[in-house]
N, C-alpha and C. Protein backbone atom coordinates (compact mmCIF):
# COMPACT_ATOMS: atom_id res chain seq x y z
N UNK A 1 -1.64 -1.63 16.11
CA UNK A 1 -0.89 -1.67 17.33
C UNK A 1 0.71 -2.08 16.90
N UNK A 2 1.60 -1.22 17.30
CA UNK A 2 2.95 -1.43 17.02
C UNK A 2 3.59 -2.42 18.23
N UNK A 3 4.39 -3.28 17.66
CA UNK A 3 5.22 -4.14 18.55
C UNK A 3 5.78 -3.50 19.74
N UNK A 4 6.58 -2.54 19.34
CA UNK A 4 7.61 -1.82 20.23
C UNK A 4 7.00 -0.93 21.28
N UNK A 5 5.64 -0.65 21.05
CA UNK A 5 4.99 0.25 22.04
C UNK A 5 3.93 -0.39 22.79
N UNK A 6 3.84 -1.63 22.50
CA UNK A 6 2.80 -2.38 23.26
C UNK A 6 3.16 -2.90 24.82
N UNK A 7 2.25 -2.71 25.70
CA UNK A 7 2.14 -3.20 27.01
C UNK A 7 1.99 -4.72 26.99
N UNK A 8 2.55 -5.58 27.68
CA UNK A 8 2.38 -7.01 27.61
C UNK A 8 0.73 -7.50 27.67
N UNK A 9 0.17 -6.88 28.44
CA UNK A 9 -1.36 -7.34 28.59
C UNK A 9 -2.03 -7.05 27.19
N UNK A 10 -1.94 -5.67 26.64
CA UNK A 10 -2.66 -5.40 25.53
C UNK A 10 -2.05 -6.35 24.21
N UNK A 11 -0.63 -6.41 24.24
CA UNK A 11 0.03 -7.27 23.19
C UNK A 11 -0.71 -8.76 23.21
N UNK A 12 -0.79 -9.33 24.46
CA UNK A 12 -1.39 -10.61 24.59
C UNK A 12 -2.77 -10.69 23.94
N UNK A 13 -3.71 -9.73 24.43
CA UNK A 13 -5.06 -9.74 24.04
C UNK A 13 -5.19 -9.57 22.61
N UNK A 14 -4.13 -8.77 21.72
CA UNK A 14 -4.27 -8.61 20.26
C UNK A 14 -3.87 -9.85 19.65
N UNK A 15 -2.79 -10.36 20.26
CA UNK A 15 -2.20 -11.64 19.65
C UNK A 15 -3.33 -12.85 19.81
N UNK A 16 -4.04 -12.92 20.75
CA UNK A 16 -5.32 -13.89 20.84
C UNK A 16 -6.30 -13.59 19.71
N UNK A 17 -6.47 -12.16 19.63
CA UNK A 17 -7.75 -11.82 18.82
C UNK A 17 -7.32 -11.95 17.30
N UNK A 18 -6.13 -11.48 16.97
CA UNK A 18 -5.70 -11.44 15.57
C UNK A 18 -4.12 -11.76 15.49
N UNK A 19 -3.80 -13.08 15.55
CA UNK A 19 -2.50 -13.50 15.55
C UNK A 19 -1.75 -13.24 14.29
N UNK A 20 -1.65 -12.01 13.81
CA UNK A 20 -0.91 -11.54 12.57
C UNK A 20 0.09 -10.68 12.80
N UNK A 21 1.40 -10.78 12.49
CA UNK A 21 2.27 -10.00 12.48
C UNK A 21 2.67 -9.43 11.06
N UNK A 22 2.90 -8.09 10.97
CA UNK A 22 3.18 -7.39 9.84
C UNK A 22 4.64 -7.02 9.89
N UNK A 23 5.35 -7.44 8.84
CA UNK A 23 6.90 -7.17 8.93
C UNK A 23 7.20 -6.27 7.76
N UNK A 24 7.30 -4.93 7.91
CA UNK A 24 7.79 -4.16 6.76
C UNK A 24 9.25 -4.34 6.61
N UNK A 25 9.47 -4.30 5.17
CA UNK A 25 10.91 -4.53 4.72
C UNK A 25 11.26 -3.43 3.76
N UNK A 26 12.65 -3.05 3.88
CA UNK A 26 13.06 -2.07 2.97
C UNK A 26 14.48 -1.97 2.83
N UNK A 27 14.99 -0.80 2.51
CA UNK A 27 16.43 -0.57 2.35
C UNK A 27 16.73 0.72 2.66
N UNK A 28 17.99 1.22 2.80
CA UNK A 28 18.43 2.62 2.94
C UNK A 28 19.25 2.87 1.52
N UNK A 29 18.56 3.56 0.71
CA UNK A 29 18.95 3.59 -0.62
C UNK A 29 18.72 4.95 -1.18
N UNK A 30 19.48 5.32 -2.30
CA UNK A 30 19.27 6.65 -2.99
C UNK A 30 17.90 6.49 -3.73
N UNK A 31 17.10 7.57 -3.47
CA UNK A 31 15.68 7.61 -4.26
C UNK A 31 15.58 9.05 -4.69
N UNK A 32 16.59 9.26 -5.70
CA UNK A 32 16.61 10.65 -6.33
C UNK A 32 16.85 11.79 -5.22
N UNK A 33 16.92 12.90 -5.70
CA UNK A 33 17.14 14.13 -4.75
C UNK A 33 15.95 14.59 -3.99
N UNK A 34 14.83 14.02 -4.34
CA UNK A 34 13.69 14.57 -4.07
C UNK A 34 12.96 13.60 -2.86
N UNK A 35 13.42 12.47 -2.64
CA UNK A 35 12.90 11.50 -1.80
C UNK A 35 13.80 11.00 -0.67
N UNK A 36 13.40 10.60 0.53
CA UNK A 36 14.27 10.23 1.62
C UNK A 36 14.88 8.79 1.32
N UNK A 37 16.07 8.58 1.88
CA UNK A 37 16.93 7.34 1.72
C UNK A 37 16.18 6.27 2.38
N UNK A 38 15.17 6.47 3.25
CA UNK A 38 14.55 5.31 3.79
C UNK A 38 13.01 5.04 3.23
N UNK A 39 12.93 5.54 1.91
CA UNK A 39 11.46 5.62 1.50
C UNK A 39 11.04 3.99 1.52
N UNK A 40 11.74 3.06 1.27
CA UNK A 40 11.06 1.76 1.02
C UNK A 40 10.45 1.29 2.37
N UNK A 41 11.12 1.37 3.46
CA UNK A 41 10.61 1.02 4.74
C UNK A 41 9.64 1.95 5.16
N UNK A 42 9.78 3.18 4.88
CA UNK A 42 8.75 4.14 5.53
C UNK A 42 7.36 3.78 4.86
N UNK A 43 7.37 3.58 3.49
CA UNK A 43 5.94 3.30 3.05
C UNK A 43 5.47 2.06 3.38
N UNK A 44 6.32 1.01 3.42
CA UNK A 44 5.90 -0.37 3.73
C UNK A 44 5.46 -0.34 5.28
N UNK A 45 5.85 0.50 6.14
CA UNK A 45 5.60 0.52 7.50
C UNK A 45 4.22 1.02 7.76
N UNK A 46 4.01 2.30 7.00
CA UNK A 46 2.72 2.78 7.06
C UNK A 46 1.52 2.16 6.60
N UNK A 47 1.83 1.48 5.28
CA UNK A 47 0.83 0.53 4.87
C UNK A 47 0.51 -0.52 5.74
N UNK A 48 1.37 -1.01 6.34
CA UNK A 48 1.10 -2.05 7.45
C UNK A 48 0.25 -1.76 8.57
N UNK A 49 0.66 -0.37 9.04
CA UNK A 49 -0.14 0.19 10.10
C UNK A 49 -1.65 0.33 9.72
N UNK A 50 -1.86 0.87 8.47
CA UNK A 50 -3.07 0.97 8.01
C UNK A 50 -3.85 -0.25 7.92
N UNK A 51 -3.27 -1.37 7.47
CA UNK A 51 -3.96 -2.65 7.42
C UNK A 51 -4.43 -3.19 8.79
N UNK A 52 -3.36 -3.04 9.78
CA UNK A 52 -3.51 -3.42 11.10
C UNK A 52 -4.75 -2.52 11.80
N UNK A 53 -4.81 -1.27 11.40
CA UNK A 53 -5.95 -0.47 11.94
C UNK A 53 -7.24 -1.06 11.50
N UNK A 54 -7.39 -1.63 10.33
CA UNK A 54 -8.57 -2.12 9.81
C UNK A 54 -8.97 -3.49 10.28
N UNK A 55 -8.19 -4.38 10.28
CA UNK A 55 -8.30 -5.86 10.48
C UNK A 55 -7.52 -6.27 11.76
N UNK A 56 -6.85 -5.52 12.38
CA UNK A 56 -6.01 -6.15 13.52
C UNK A 56 -4.73 -6.77 13.35
N UNK A 57 -4.03 -7.08 14.29
CA UNK A 57 -2.80 -7.67 14.10
C UNK A 57 -1.70 -6.78 14.78
N UNK A 58 -0.36 -7.02 14.69
CA UNK A 58 0.62 -6.23 15.33
C UNK A 58 1.65 -5.97 14.35
N UNK A 59 2.24 -4.73 14.28
CA UNK A 59 3.32 -4.22 13.36
C UNK A 59 4.51 -4.24 13.97
N UNK A 60 5.48 -4.99 13.40
CA UNK A 60 6.90 -5.13 13.83
C UNK A 60 7.66 -3.95 13.31
N UNK A 61 8.51 -3.35 13.97
CA UNK A 61 9.36 -2.15 13.38
C UNK A 61 10.09 -2.60 12.02
N UNK A 62 10.12 -1.70 11.22
CA UNK A 62 10.61 -1.93 9.81
C UNK A 62 12.18 -2.44 9.99
N UNK A 63 12.24 -3.15 8.90
CA UNK A 63 13.84 -3.75 8.70
C UNK A 63 14.28 -3.09 7.52
N UNK A 64 15.59 -2.51 8.00
CA UNK A 64 16.23 -1.69 6.85
C UNK A 64 17.43 -2.49 6.30
N UNK A 65 17.15 -3.42 5.47
CA UNK A 65 18.16 -4.41 5.07
C UNK A 65 17.96 -4.76 3.62
N UNK A 66 18.53 -4.07 2.56
CA UNK A 66 18.28 -4.39 1.18
C UNK A 66 19.43 -4.94 0.57
N UNK A 67 18.98 -6.04 -0.31
CA UNK A 67 19.88 -6.69 -1.12
C UNK A 67 19.58 -6.23 -2.62
N UNK A 68 20.72 -6.08 -3.54
CA UNK A 68 20.57 -5.74 -4.96
C UNK A 68 20.02 -4.23 -4.84
N UNK A 69 20.78 -3.32 -4.34
CA UNK A 69 20.33 -1.81 -4.13
C UNK A 69 21.26 -1.16 -5.17
N UNK A 70 21.06 0.05 -5.16
CA UNK A 70 21.64 1.00 -6.04
C UNK A 70 23.11 1.38 -5.62
N UNK A 71 23.50 0.81 -4.77
CA UNK A 71 24.84 0.73 -4.40
C UNK A 71 25.79 0.13 -5.49
N UNK A 72 25.21 -0.81 -6.15
CA UNK A 72 25.88 -1.41 -7.37
C UNK A 72 26.10 -0.43 -8.37
N UNK A 73 25.30 0.69 -8.37
CA UNK A 73 25.55 1.70 -9.51
C UNK A 73 26.27 2.86 -8.98
N UNK A 74 26.90 2.72 -7.82
CA UNK A 74 27.82 3.83 -7.20
C UNK A 74 27.07 5.07 -6.62
N UNK A 75 25.75 4.86 -6.49
CA UNK A 75 25.16 5.97 -5.84
C UNK A 75 25.26 6.15 -4.30
N UNK A 76 25.26 7.39 -3.94
CA UNK A 76 25.81 7.49 -2.44
C UNK A 76 24.73 7.22 -1.54
N UNK A 77 25.17 7.17 -0.23
CA UNK A 77 24.51 7.01 0.91
C UNK A 77 23.61 5.63 0.95
N UNK A 78 23.99 4.79 0.18
CA UNK A 78 23.17 3.40 -0.08
C UNK A 78 23.83 2.31 0.57
N UNK A 79 23.17 1.67 1.37
CA UNK A 79 23.58 0.38 2.13
C UNK A 79 23.27 -0.77 1.28
N UNK A 80 24.13 -1.79 1.14
CA UNK A 80 24.00 -2.86 0.40
C UNK A 80 24.40 -4.25 1.30
N UNK A 81 23.26 -4.99 1.57
CA UNK A 81 23.67 -6.38 2.39
C UNK A 81 23.58 -7.44 1.30
N UNK A 82 24.26 -8.38 1.94
CA UNK A 82 24.34 -9.59 0.97
C UNK A 82 23.13 -10.42 1.13
N UNK A 83 22.89 -11.24 -0.02
CA UNK A 83 21.74 -12.06 -0.09
C UNK A 83 21.60 -12.96 1.20
N UNK A 84 22.71 -13.70 1.43
CA UNK A 84 22.73 -14.36 2.77
C UNK A 84 22.24 -13.81 3.97
N UNK A 85 22.61 -12.48 4.22
CA UNK A 85 22.29 -11.71 5.43
C UNK A 85 20.69 -11.45 5.23
N UNK A 86 20.41 -11.23 4.21
CA UNK A 86 18.75 -10.75 4.03
C UNK A 86 18.11 -12.01 4.35
N UNK A 87 18.52 -13.23 3.77
CA UNK A 87 17.75 -14.56 4.05
C UNK A 87 17.88 -15.01 5.57
N UNK A 88 18.99 -14.82 6.23
CA UNK A 88 19.30 -15.16 7.68
C UNK A 88 18.32 -14.27 8.35
N UNK A 89 18.28 -13.08 8.21
CA UNK A 89 17.62 -12.04 9.10
C UNK A 89 16.19 -12.59 8.90
N UNK A 90 15.63 -12.76 7.71
CA UNK A 90 14.15 -13.21 7.69
C UNK A 90 13.80 -14.41 8.40
N UNK A 91 14.88 -15.46 8.14
CA UNK A 91 14.37 -16.69 8.71
C UNK A 91 14.53 -16.49 10.29
N UNK A 92 15.42 -15.78 10.77
CA UNK A 92 15.38 -15.43 12.39
C UNK A 92 14.13 -14.84 12.92
N UNK A 93 13.51 -13.83 12.03
CA UNK A 93 12.42 -13.25 12.41
C UNK A 93 11.18 -14.26 12.34
N UNK A 94 11.18 -15.04 11.36
CA UNK A 94 10.13 -15.96 11.30
C UNK A 94 10.04 -16.93 12.37
N UNK A 95 11.21 -17.36 12.70
CA UNK A 95 11.34 -18.40 13.82
C UNK A 95 10.84 -17.78 14.95
N UNK A 96 11.33 -16.65 15.41
CA UNK A 96 10.94 -16.07 16.73
C UNK A 96 9.49 -15.61 16.72
N UNK A 97 8.95 -14.92 15.67
CA UNK A 97 7.50 -14.57 15.55
C UNK A 97 6.67 -15.87 15.59
N UNK A 98 7.06 -16.86 15.21
CA UNK A 98 6.34 -18.06 15.15
C UNK A 98 6.15 -18.52 16.67
N UNK A 99 7.41 -18.45 17.39
CA UNK A 99 7.50 -18.85 18.89
C UNK A 99 6.74 -17.90 19.66
N UNK A 100 6.68 -16.68 19.19
CA UNK A 100 5.69 -15.80 20.04
C UNK A 100 4.22 -16.17 20.13
N UNK A 101 3.82 -16.72 18.89
CA UNK A 101 2.44 -17.12 18.65
C UNK A 101 1.73 -16.73 17.45
N UNK A 102 2.44 -16.09 16.61
CA UNK A 102 1.89 -15.52 15.39
C UNK A 102 1.42 -16.75 14.47
N UNK A 103 0.18 -16.53 13.85
CA UNK A 103 -0.22 -17.60 12.85
C UNK A 103 -0.01 -17.24 11.43
N UNK A 104 0.07 -15.95 11.26
CA UNK A 104 0.37 -15.33 9.84
C UNK A 104 1.45 -14.28 10.10
N UNK A 105 2.43 -14.31 8.98
CA UNK A 105 3.40 -13.31 9.06
C UNK A 105 3.31 -12.76 7.70
N UNK A 106 3.16 -11.54 7.62
CA UNK A 106 2.92 -10.67 6.41
C UNK A 106 4.35 -9.81 6.30
N UNK A 107 5.17 -10.38 5.26
CA UNK A 107 6.39 -9.57 4.91
C UNK A 107 6.04 -8.67 3.83
N UNK A 108 5.81 -7.37 4.10
CA UNK A 108 5.51 -6.39 2.85
C UNK A 108 6.66 -5.57 2.58
N UNK A 109 7.32 -5.83 1.41
CA UNK A 109 8.45 -5.17 1.18
C UNK A 109 8.32 -4.14 0.15
N UNK A 110 8.86 -2.88 0.49
CA UNK A 110 8.82 -1.61 -0.24
C UNK A 110 10.03 -1.76 -1.16
N UNK A 111 11.15 -2.53 -0.77
CA UNK A 111 12.23 -2.69 -1.69
C UNK A 111 12.07 -3.80 -2.71
N UNK A 112 11.90 -3.89 -3.87
CA UNK A 112 11.38 -5.03 -4.58
C UNK A 112 12.04 -5.26 -5.96
N UNK A 113 13.43 -5.06 -5.76
CA UNK A 113 14.20 -5.49 -6.92
C UNK A 113 14.03 -7.03 -6.96
N UNK A 114 13.99 -7.69 -8.17
CA UNK A 114 13.74 -9.09 -8.16
C UNK A 114 14.58 -10.02 -7.52
N UNK A 115 15.93 -9.56 -7.45
CA UNK A 115 16.87 -10.45 -6.63
C UNK A 115 16.53 -10.44 -5.23
N UNK A 116 16.23 -9.30 -4.55
CA UNK A 116 15.88 -8.98 -3.17
C UNK A 116 14.61 -9.90 -2.89
N UNK A 117 13.55 -9.63 -3.62
CA UNK A 117 12.36 -10.48 -3.48
C UNK A 117 12.44 -12.06 -3.48
N UNK A 118 13.34 -12.35 -4.46
CA UNK A 118 13.71 -13.76 -4.57
C UNK A 118 14.41 -14.28 -3.12
N UNK A 119 15.29 -13.44 -2.73
CA UNK A 119 15.76 -13.92 -1.48
C UNK A 119 14.96 -14.04 -0.29
N UNK A 120 13.92 -13.05 -0.31
CA UNK A 120 12.83 -13.14 0.77
C UNK A 120 12.01 -14.37 0.57
N UNK A 121 11.69 -14.58 -0.55
CA UNK A 121 10.68 -15.74 -0.95
C UNK A 121 11.49 -16.98 -0.56
N UNK A 122 12.72 -17.23 -0.94
CA UNK A 122 13.62 -18.51 -0.61
C UNK A 122 13.60 -18.58 0.91
N UNK A 123 13.85 -17.58 1.51
CA UNK A 123 13.77 -17.61 3.06
C UNK A 123 12.65 -18.03 3.60
N UNK A 124 11.52 -17.60 3.12
CA UNK A 124 10.10 -17.97 3.80
C UNK A 124 9.97 -19.44 3.37
N UNK A 125 10.24 -19.83 2.12
CA UNK A 125 10.04 -21.18 1.89
C UNK A 125 10.82 -22.11 2.60
N UNK A 126 12.13 -21.62 2.88
CA UNK A 126 12.96 -22.62 3.68
C UNK A 126 12.38 -22.69 5.05
N UNK A 127 11.79 -21.65 5.59
CA UNK A 127 11.19 -21.79 6.92
C UNK A 127 9.94 -22.60 6.89
N UNK A 128 9.03 -22.54 5.84
CA UNK A 128 7.94 -23.42 5.68
C UNK A 128 8.32 -24.77 5.47
N UNK A 129 9.28 -25.13 4.80
CA UNK A 129 9.56 -26.46 4.33
C UNK A 129 10.17 -27.11 5.70
N UNK A 130 10.88 -26.50 6.46
CA UNK A 130 11.34 -27.00 7.66
C UNK A 130 10.44 -27.75 8.54
N UNK A 131 9.09 -27.27 8.60
CA UNK A 131 8.13 -28.03 9.22
C UNK A 131 8.13 -27.65 10.65
N UNK A 132 9.06 -26.88 11.26
CA UNK A 132 9.28 -26.65 12.76
C UNK A 132 8.11 -25.75 13.21
N UNK A 133 7.56 -25.10 12.42
CA UNK A 133 6.42 -24.06 12.92
C UNK A 133 5.23 -24.24 11.67
N UNK A 134 4.62 -25.34 11.55
CA UNK A 134 3.86 -25.69 10.46
C UNK A 134 2.56 -24.94 10.63
N UNK A 135 2.28 -24.44 11.81
CA UNK A 135 1.01 -23.69 11.99
C UNK A 135 1.20 -22.23 11.67
N UNK A 136 2.31 -21.68 11.18
CA UNK A 136 2.61 -20.35 10.92
C UNK A 136 2.65 -20.19 9.48
N UNK A 137 1.85 -19.32 8.80
CA UNK A 137 1.82 -19.13 7.39
C UNK A 137 2.66 -17.75 7.12
N UNK A 138 3.26 -17.74 6.12
CA UNK A 138 4.24 -16.56 5.70
C UNK A 138 3.70 -16.08 4.19
N UNK A 139 3.48 -14.78 4.20
CA UNK A 139 3.23 -14.26 2.87
C UNK A 139 4.43 -13.26 2.69
N UNK A 140 5.04 -13.20 1.51
CA UNK A 140 6.19 -12.28 1.09
C UNK A 140 5.40 -11.50 -0.11
N UNK A 141 5.16 -10.15 0.16
CA UNK A 141 4.43 -9.36 -0.98
C UNK A 141 5.16 -8.11 -1.25
N UNK A 142 5.66 -7.87 -2.38
CA UNK A 142 5.95 -6.70 -2.92
C UNK A 142 4.87 -5.81 -2.89
N UNK A 143 5.01 -4.53 -2.50
CA UNK A 143 3.50 -3.88 -2.38
C UNK A 143 2.91 -3.58 -3.58
N UNK A 144 3.57 -3.49 -4.83
CA UNK A 144 2.84 -3.16 -6.04
C UNK A 144 2.00 -4.41 -6.44
N UNK A 145 2.29 -5.61 -5.96
CA UNK A 145 1.44 -6.81 -6.31
C UNK A 145 -0.04 -6.55 -5.96
N UNK A 146 -0.21 -5.74 -5.07
CA UNK A 146 -1.57 -5.52 -4.51
C UNK A 146 -2.19 -4.38 -5.25
N UNK A 147 -1.70 -3.73 -6.24
CA UNK A 147 -2.37 -2.64 -7.07
C UNK A 147 -1.96 -2.68 -8.46
N UNK A 148 -1.73 -3.99 -9.05
CA UNK A 148 -1.33 -4.04 -10.37
C UNK A 148 -2.42 -3.57 -11.32
N UNK A 149 -3.78 -3.54 -11.07
CA UNK A 149 -4.76 -3.34 -11.78
C UNK A 149 -4.85 -1.81 -12.05
N UNK A 150 -4.00 -1.21 -11.30
CA UNK A 150 -3.95 0.38 -11.61
C UNK A 150 -2.89 0.78 -12.42
N UNK A 151 -2.12 -0.21 -12.82
CA UNK A 151 -0.81 -0.05 -13.75
C UNK A 151 0.33 -0.01 -12.94
N UNK A 152 0.34 -0.04 -11.56
CA UNK A 152 1.52 -0.11 -10.83
C UNK A 152 2.29 -1.47 -10.70
N UNK A 153 3.34 -1.54 -11.36
CA UNK A 153 4.25 -2.62 -11.59
C UNK A 153 5.63 -2.39 -10.99
N UNK A 154 5.58 -1.39 -10.11
CA UNK A 154 6.96 -1.10 -9.32
C UNK A 154 7.86 -0.08 -10.34
N UNK A 155 8.45 0.92 -9.63
CA UNK A 155 9.42 1.81 -10.20
C UNK A 155 10.36 2.24 -9.21
N UNK A 156 11.20 3.11 -9.46
CA UNK A 156 12.34 3.49 -8.43
C UNK A 156 12.20 5.16 -8.42
N UNK A 157 11.73 5.56 -7.42
CA UNK A 157 11.67 7.08 -7.15
C UNK A 157 11.00 7.79 -8.30
N UNK A 158 10.28 7.16 -9.07
CA UNK A 158 9.44 7.82 -10.26
C UNK A 158 8.04 8.07 -9.94
N UNK A 159 7.14 7.98 -10.90
CA UNK A 159 5.70 8.24 -10.63
C UNK A 159 5.26 7.73 -9.55
N UNK A 160 5.24 6.32 -9.46
CA UNK A 160 4.57 5.49 -8.38
C UNK A 160 5.08 5.99 -6.94
N UNK A 161 6.30 5.66 -6.83
CA UNK A 161 6.90 5.72 -5.24
C UNK A 161 6.63 7.11 -4.95
N UNK A 162 7.02 8.10 -5.73
CA UNK A 162 6.97 9.40 -5.32
C UNK A 162 5.25 9.82 -4.95
N UNK A 163 4.47 9.43 -5.84
CA UNK A 163 3.17 9.56 -5.39
C UNK A 163 2.58 9.00 -4.08
N UNK A 164 3.01 7.67 -3.83
CA UNK A 164 2.67 7.22 -2.55
C UNK A 164 3.23 7.84 -1.49
N UNK A 165 4.41 8.37 -1.44
CA UNK A 165 5.02 9.16 -0.20
C UNK A 165 4.43 10.53 -0.22
N UNK A 166 4.04 11.10 -1.58
CA UNK A 166 3.28 12.42 -1.42
C UNK A 166 2.09 12.22 -0.66
N UNK A 167 1.48 11.06 -0.56
CA UNK A 167 0.21 10.81 0.14
C UNK A 167 0.42 10.40 1.64
N UNK A 168 1.52 9.53 1.78
CA UNK A 168 1.80 9.13 3.15
C UNK A 168 2.58 10.09 4.04
N UNK A 169 3.48 10.57 3.30
CA UNK A 169 4.36 11.46 4.18
C UNK A 169 4.79 12.70 3.31
N UNK A 170 3.99 13.61 2.94
CA UNK A 170 4.19 14.73 2.02
C UNK A 170 5.39 15.62 2.50
N UNK A 171 5.60 15.62 3.82
CA UNK A 171 6.56 16.63 4.48
C UNK A 171 8.03 16.06 3.89
N UNK A 172 8.13 14.82 3.59
CA UNK A 172 9.46 14.34 3.13
C UNK A 172 9.65 14.21 1.56
N UNK A 173 8.79 14.86 0.77
CA UNK A 173 8.98 14.93 -0.56
C UNK A 173 9.29 16.46 -1.03
N UNK A 174 10.32 16.57 -2.00
CA UNK A 174 10.60 17.86 -2.24
C UNK A 174 10.94 17.85 -3.77
N UNK A 175 9.81 17.88 -4.70
CA UNK A 175 10.06 17.76 -6.00
C UNK A 175 10.86 18.90 -6.70
N UNK A 176 10.89 20.00 -5.95
CA UNK A 176 11.63 21.30 -6.48
C UNK A 176 13.21 20.81 -6.52
N UNK A 177 13.50 19.87 -5.88
CA UNK A 177 15.07 19.61 -5.95
C UNK A 177 15.19 18.94 -7.17
N UNK A 178 14.44 18.58 -8.03
CA UNK A 178 14.78 17.90 -9.43
C UNK A 178 14.74 19.07 -10.46
N UNK A 179 15.70 18.81 -11.37
CA UNK A 179 15.76 19.74 -12.50
C UNK A 179 16.09 18.79 -13.79
N UNK A 180 16.19 19.27 -14.84
CA UNK A 180 16.54 18.54 -16.13
C UNK A 180 17.82 17.79 -15.88
N UNK A 181 18.73 18.24 -15.25
CA UNK A 181 19.86 17.64 -15.10
C UNK A 181 19.93 16.43 -14.11
N UNK A 182 19.08 16.62 -12.96
CA UNK A 182 19.13 15.59 -11.93
C UNK A 182 18.00 14.72 -11.98
N UNK A 183 17.01 15.00 -12.81
CA UNK A 183 15.84 14.16 -12.81
C UNK A 183 16.01 12.56 -13.22
N UNK A 184 17.14 12.45 -13.67
CA UNK A 184 17.38 10.93 -14.01
C UNK A 184 18.34 10.23 -13.20
N UNK A 185 18.87 10.97 -12.15
CA UNK A 185 19.76 10.42 -11.22
C UNK A 185 19.21 9.33 -10.19
N UNK A 186 19.30 8.12 -10.57
CA UNK A 186 18.69 6.99 -9.67
C UNK A 186 17.27 6.96 -9.67
N UNK A 187 16.61 7.43 -10.83
CA UNK A 187 15.11 7.46 -11.00
C UNK A 187 14.88 6.49 -12.01
N UNK A 188 14.06 5.53 -11.78
CA UNK A 188 13.61 4.54 -13.00
C UNK A 188 12.21 4.58 -12.91
N UNK A 189 11.66 5.07 -14.26
CA UNK A 189 10.41 5.23 -14.49
C UNK A 189 9.98 6.53 -15.08
N UNK A 190 8.71 6.82 -14.96
CA UNK A 190 8.34 8.17 -15.43
C UNK A 190 8.64 9.22 -14.64
N UNK A 191 9.10 10.50 -15.22
CA UNK A 191 9.40 11.72 -14.60
C UNK A 191 8.51 12.16 -13.73
N UNK A 192 8.82 12.08 -12.23
CA UNK A 192 7.85 12.40 -11.27
C UNK A 192 7.50 13.93 -11.24
N UNK A 193 8.11 14.48 -11.90
CA UNK A 193 7.81 16.00 -11.80
C UNK A 193 6.36 16.24 -12.81
N UNK A 194 6.34 15.38 -13.71
CA UNK A 194 5.22 15.49 -14.61
C UNK A 194 4.13 14.45 -14.34
N UNK A 195 4.41 13.41 -13.54
CA UNK A 195 3.48 12.25 -13.43
C UNK A 195 3.01 12.09 -12.13
N UNK A 196 3.65 12.49 -11.05
CA UNK A 196 3.39 12.09 -9.68
C UNK A 196 2.34 13.11 -9.11
N UNK A 197 1.50 12.50 -8.14
CA UNK A 197 0.58 13.47 -7.42
C UNK A 197 0.09 12.77 -6.20
N UNK A 198 -0.29 13.51 -5.19
CA UNK A 198 -0.80 12.92 -3.93
C UNK A 198 -2.18 12.23 -4.24
N UNK A 199 -2.90 12.72 -5.28
CA UNK A 199 -4.09 12.08 -5.58
C UNK A 199 -3.91 10.65 -6.14
N UNK A 200 -2.93 10.45 -6.97
CA UNK A 200 -2.65 9.08 -7.44
C UNK A 200 -2.02 8.30 -6.20
N UNK A 201 -1.23 8.89 -5.23
CA UNK A 201 -0.78 8.10 -4.24
C UNK A 201 -2.02 7.58 -3.42
N UNK A 202 -2.85 8.47 -3.15
CA UNK A 202 -4.02 8.02 -2.22
C UNK A 202 -4.64 6.80 -2.83
N UNK A 203 -4.91 6.96 -4.13
CA UNK A 203 -5.69 5.87 -4.91
C UNK A 203 -4.89 4.45 -4.78
N UNK A 204 -3.50 4.59 -4.98
CA UNK A 204 -2.66 3.43 -4.84
C UNK A 204 -2.66 2.83 -3.60
N UNK A 205 -2.60 3.70 -2.52
CA UNK A 205 -2.59 3.27 -1.24
C UNK A 205 -3.78 2.65 -0.71
N UNK A 206 -4.88 3.28 -1.11
CA UNK A 206 -6.39 2.51 -0.68
C UNK A 206 -6.32 1.13 -1.39
N UNK A 207 -5.89 1.08 -2.69
CA UNK A 207 -6.02 -0.28 -3.35
C UNK A 207 -5.25 -1.38 -2.48
N UNK A 208 -3.96 -0.86 -2.22
CA UNK A 208 -3.10 -1.80 -1.43
C UNK A 208 -3.51 -2.30 -0.22
N UNK A 209 -4.09 -1.25 0.67
CA UNK A 209 -4.55 -1.56 2.03
C UNK A 209 -5.99 -2.26 1.85
N UNK A 210 -6.80 -1.90 0.92
CA UNK A 210 -8.02 -2.64 0.78
C UNK A 210 -7.77 -4.05 0.52
N UNK A 211 -6.84 -4.25 -0.45
CA UNK A 211 -6.58 -5.78 -0.94
C UNK A 211 -5.96 -6.63 0.20
N UNK A 212 -5.01 -6.03 0.95
CA UNK A 212 -4.31 -6.67 1.89
C UNK A 212 -5.27 -6.99 3.05
N UNK A 213 -6.17 -5.91 3.45
CA UNK A 213 -6.94 -6.09 4.57
C UNK A 213 -7.91 -7.17 4.16
N UNK A 214 -8.49 -7.33 3.00
CA UNK A 214 -9.46 -8.44 2.77
C UNK A 214 -8.83 -9.77 2.83
N UNK A 215 -7.47 -9.97 2.46
CA UNK A 215 -6.88 -11.15 2.43
C UNK A 215 -6.40 -11.53 3.89
N UNK A 216 -6.04 -10.70 4.59
CA UNK A 216 -5.85 -10.88 6.30
C UNK A 216 -7.16 -11.31 6.95
N UNK A 217 -8.24 -10.48 6.57
CA UNK A 217 -9.58 -10.83 7.09
C UNK A 217 -9.94 -12.22 6.86
N UNK A 218 -9.67 -12.51 5.45
CA UNK A 218 -10.28 -14.00 5.16
C UNK A 218 -9.36 -15.05 5.84
N UNK A 219 -8.16 -14.70 6.07
CA UNK A 219 -7.27 -15.63 6.85
C UNK A 219 -7.86 -15.83 8.19
N UNK A 220 -8.21 -14.88 8.86
CA UNK A 220 -8.56 -14.82 10.10
C UNK A 220 -9.98 -15.45 10.33
N UNK A 221 -10.63 -15.34 9.33
CA UNK A 221 -12.18 -15.95 9.34
C UNK A 221 -12.06 -17.54 8.95
N UNK A 222 -11.06 -17.99 8.45
CA UNK A 222 -10.95 -19.23 7.88
C UNK A 222 -10.72 -20.40 8.96
């Protein structure tokens, strides 16, 4: 169930049944010539939807607010927000989602540079320590943490991210746009022309969704 498309009656029923909000987080950032600028939020959003389909809860519209992006490297079309902005935005979301009645907020971030993740974690900790909504639990999870056993430790527009989008949104991937000259422009990791596949993407997606679904189901059953 998506927050923005829900009618009040159905929203209230789902909130009572599974008081979990999924908050997909990402950035608008260069991801090579072969991937869309909104990759991070696109994949996080779909992963959240797949978990909600399995165990319930409500998916909040994705947040496109990245700190520590490749704007620092001068790559075009990339938006860079300050650390304070990212932290304030998450704290505002958490305060309001708690007031709506959610008992668990899952912040799944597809943009996972260490500085960005640290800002999200600090904002979540500040919210928790404040004690104003002690009944609401917050998880901040870079997606790769749920699939480490496959060897996925995060990359940028390379083998793993390309494979994930090949599976989730194949119409948005165009490997043919890469050649020997452009294959390193804003790509961090293995050359996706030789290493990425929709089959690998399907494996990673299933592992992420399975693990997160189990964790949410355990929370709801506790």
